[in-house]
Amino acid sequence: MGLKVTFIDPRGNAVACEAKVGDNLLKVGQAAGLPLEGTCEGQMACSTCHVIVAAEWFEKLAEASEEEEDMLDFAAGARRTSRLSCQIDLTPALDGLTVSVPGESHDARRM
């Protein structure tokens, strides 16, 4: 089943992506060339893959673990609806999900 996910890049441009059920949001964003580092491979040892989830979508996500909430304390530009993209696996309920990549994010792979 094809899902649509829209990332708003740090410059405010919408980047529409196609994804499949079960895809990880971090991997979808990286494949689209967005500056999401995520070097910890989903082990929550960093906060470099954090995104800001559009308010209307935030409640549709599974609840963040205590560990994820702790890591978000270190995320540059975190907001009330921030989440780690490595912790979001796409489901049919998330078809149309919109997230923003904070301007404070960086991608060490491109330095």
Protein backbone atom coordinates (compact mmCIF):
# COMPACT_ATOMS: atom_id res chain seq x y z
CA MET A 1 0.00 0.00 0.00
CA GLY A 2 1.46 3.38 -1.00
CA LEU A 3 1.58 6.14 1.58
CA LYS A 4 2.29 9.82 1.14
CA VAL A 5 4.52 11.69 3.57
CA THR A 6 5.39 15.36 3.29
CA PHE A 7 8.52 16.79 4.82
CA ILE A 8 8.93 20.55 5.15
CA ASP A 9 12.64 21.17 4.73
CA PRO A 10 14.57 23.78 6.77
CA ARG A 11 13.96 26.37 4.02
CA GLY A 12 10.20 25.83 4.13
CA ASN A 13 9.93 23.80 0.92
CA ALA A 14 7.52 20.86 0.84
CA VAL A 15 9.14 17.56 -0.15
CA ALA A 16 6.50 14.95 -1.02
CA CYS A 17 7.59 11.34 -0.59
CA GLU A 18 6.11 7.96 -1.39
CA ALA A 19 6.47 5.27 1.26
CA LYS A 20 5.19 1.84 2.16
CA VAL A 21 3.52 0.57 5.32
CA GLY A 22 6.29 -0.38 7.72
CA ASP A 23 8.85 2.06 6.30
CA ASN A 24 10.77 4.03 8.89
CA LEU A 25 10.30 7.80 8.68
CA LEU A 26 14.04 8.44 9.09
CA LYS A 27 14.90 6.24 6.13
CA VAL A 28 12.19 7.87 3.98
CA GLY A 29 13.56 11.33 4.79
CA GLN A 30 17.16 10.33 4.16
CA ALA A 31 16.22 8.77 0.81
CA ALA A 32 14.67 12.13 -0.12
CA GLY A 33 17.97 13.88 0.66
CA LEU A 34 16.75 15.66 3.79
CA PRO A 35 19.27 16.68 6.49
CA LEU A 36 18.37 13.98 9.02
CA GLU A 37 21.54 12.47 10.42
CA GLY A 38 20.26 9.55 12.48
CA THR A 39 23.69 7.99 12.90
CA CYS A 40 22.65 5.93 15.92
CA GLU A 41 20.64 3.57 13.68
CA GLY A 42 17.48 3.87 15.78
CA GLN A 43 19.13 3.10 19.11
CA MET A 44 18.22 6.57 20.47
CA ALA A 45 21.81 7.45 21.30
CA CYS A 46 21.37 10.85 19.65
CA SER A 47 18.63 13.28 18.67
CA THR A 48 19.91 14.20 15.21
CA CYS A 49 16.88 12.74 13.40
CA HIS A 50 14.27 14.78 15.22
CA VAL A 51 11.34 16.22 13.30
CA ILE A 52 8.43 18.43 14.27
CA VAL A 53 5.16 16.66 13.60
CA ALA A 54 2.25 18.78 12.33
CA ALA A 55 -0.20 19.21 15.22
CA GLU A 56 -3.05 17.43 13.44
CA TRP A 57 -0.87 14.32 13.05
CA PHE A 58 0.82 14.26 16.44
CA GLU A 59 -2.01 12.41 18.23
CA LYS A 60 -2.05 9.72 15.52
CA LEU A 61 1.47 8.60 16.44
CA ALA A 62 2.18 5.92 19.00
CA GLU A 63 3.15 7.46 22.32
CA ALA A 64 6.83 8.30 22.72
CA SER A 65 8.80 6.14 25.11
CA GLU A 66 10.43 7.67 28.15
CA GLU A 67 13.82 7.14 26.47
CA GLU A 68 12.69 9.03 23.37
CA GLU A 69 11.36 11.91 25.47
CA ASP A 70 14.71 12.05 27.29
CA MET A 71 16.60 12.22 23.95
CA LEU A 72 14.32 15.00 22.71
CA ASP A 73 15.59 17.12 25.60
CA PHE A 74 18.88 17.28 23.65
CA ALA A 75 17.33 18.01 20.25
CA ALA A 76 18.16 21.39 18.75
CA GLY A 77 14.95 23.28 17.98
CA ALA A 78 12.63 20.81 19.72
CA ARG A 79 8.96 21.78 20.01
CA ARG A 80 5.92 20.34 21.80
CA THR A 81 5.21 18.04 18.83
CA SER A 82 8.81 16.94 18.23
CA ARG A 83 9.58 13.25 17.75
CA LEU A 84 12.58 11.19 16.68
CA SER A 85 11.99 10.10 13.10
CA CYS A 86 13.87 6.83 13.76
CA GLN A 87 11.07 5.85 16.14
CA ILE A 88 8.22 6.33 13.64
CA ASP A 89 7.25 3.35 11.52
CA LEU A 90 4.60 4.24 8.98
CA THR A 91 1.11 2.74 9.21
CA PRO A 92 -2.01 3.26 7.06
CA ALA A 93 -3.26 5.74 9.69
CA LEU A 94 -0.23 7.95 8.87
CA ASP A 95 -1.00 8.29 5.15
CA GLY A 96 -0.57 12.02 4.49
CA LEU A 97 1.70 12.65 7.50
CA THR A 98 3.40 16.05 7.48
CA VAL A 99 6.57 16.77 9.45
CA SER A 100 9.09 19.62 9.48
CA VAL A 101 12.84 19.25 9.60
CA PRO A 102 14.08 21.93 12.04
CA GLY A 103 16.48 24.53 10.69
CA GLU A 104 18.82 23.63 13.53
CA SER A 105 19.24 20.10 12.15
CA HIS A 106 22.38 19.09 10.36
CA ASP A 107 23.70 16.13 8.49
CA ALA A 108 27.28 15.23 9.39
CA ARG A 109 27.47 12.98 6.33
CA ARG A 110 27.58 16.12 4.15
CA MET A 111 30.18 18.10 6.09
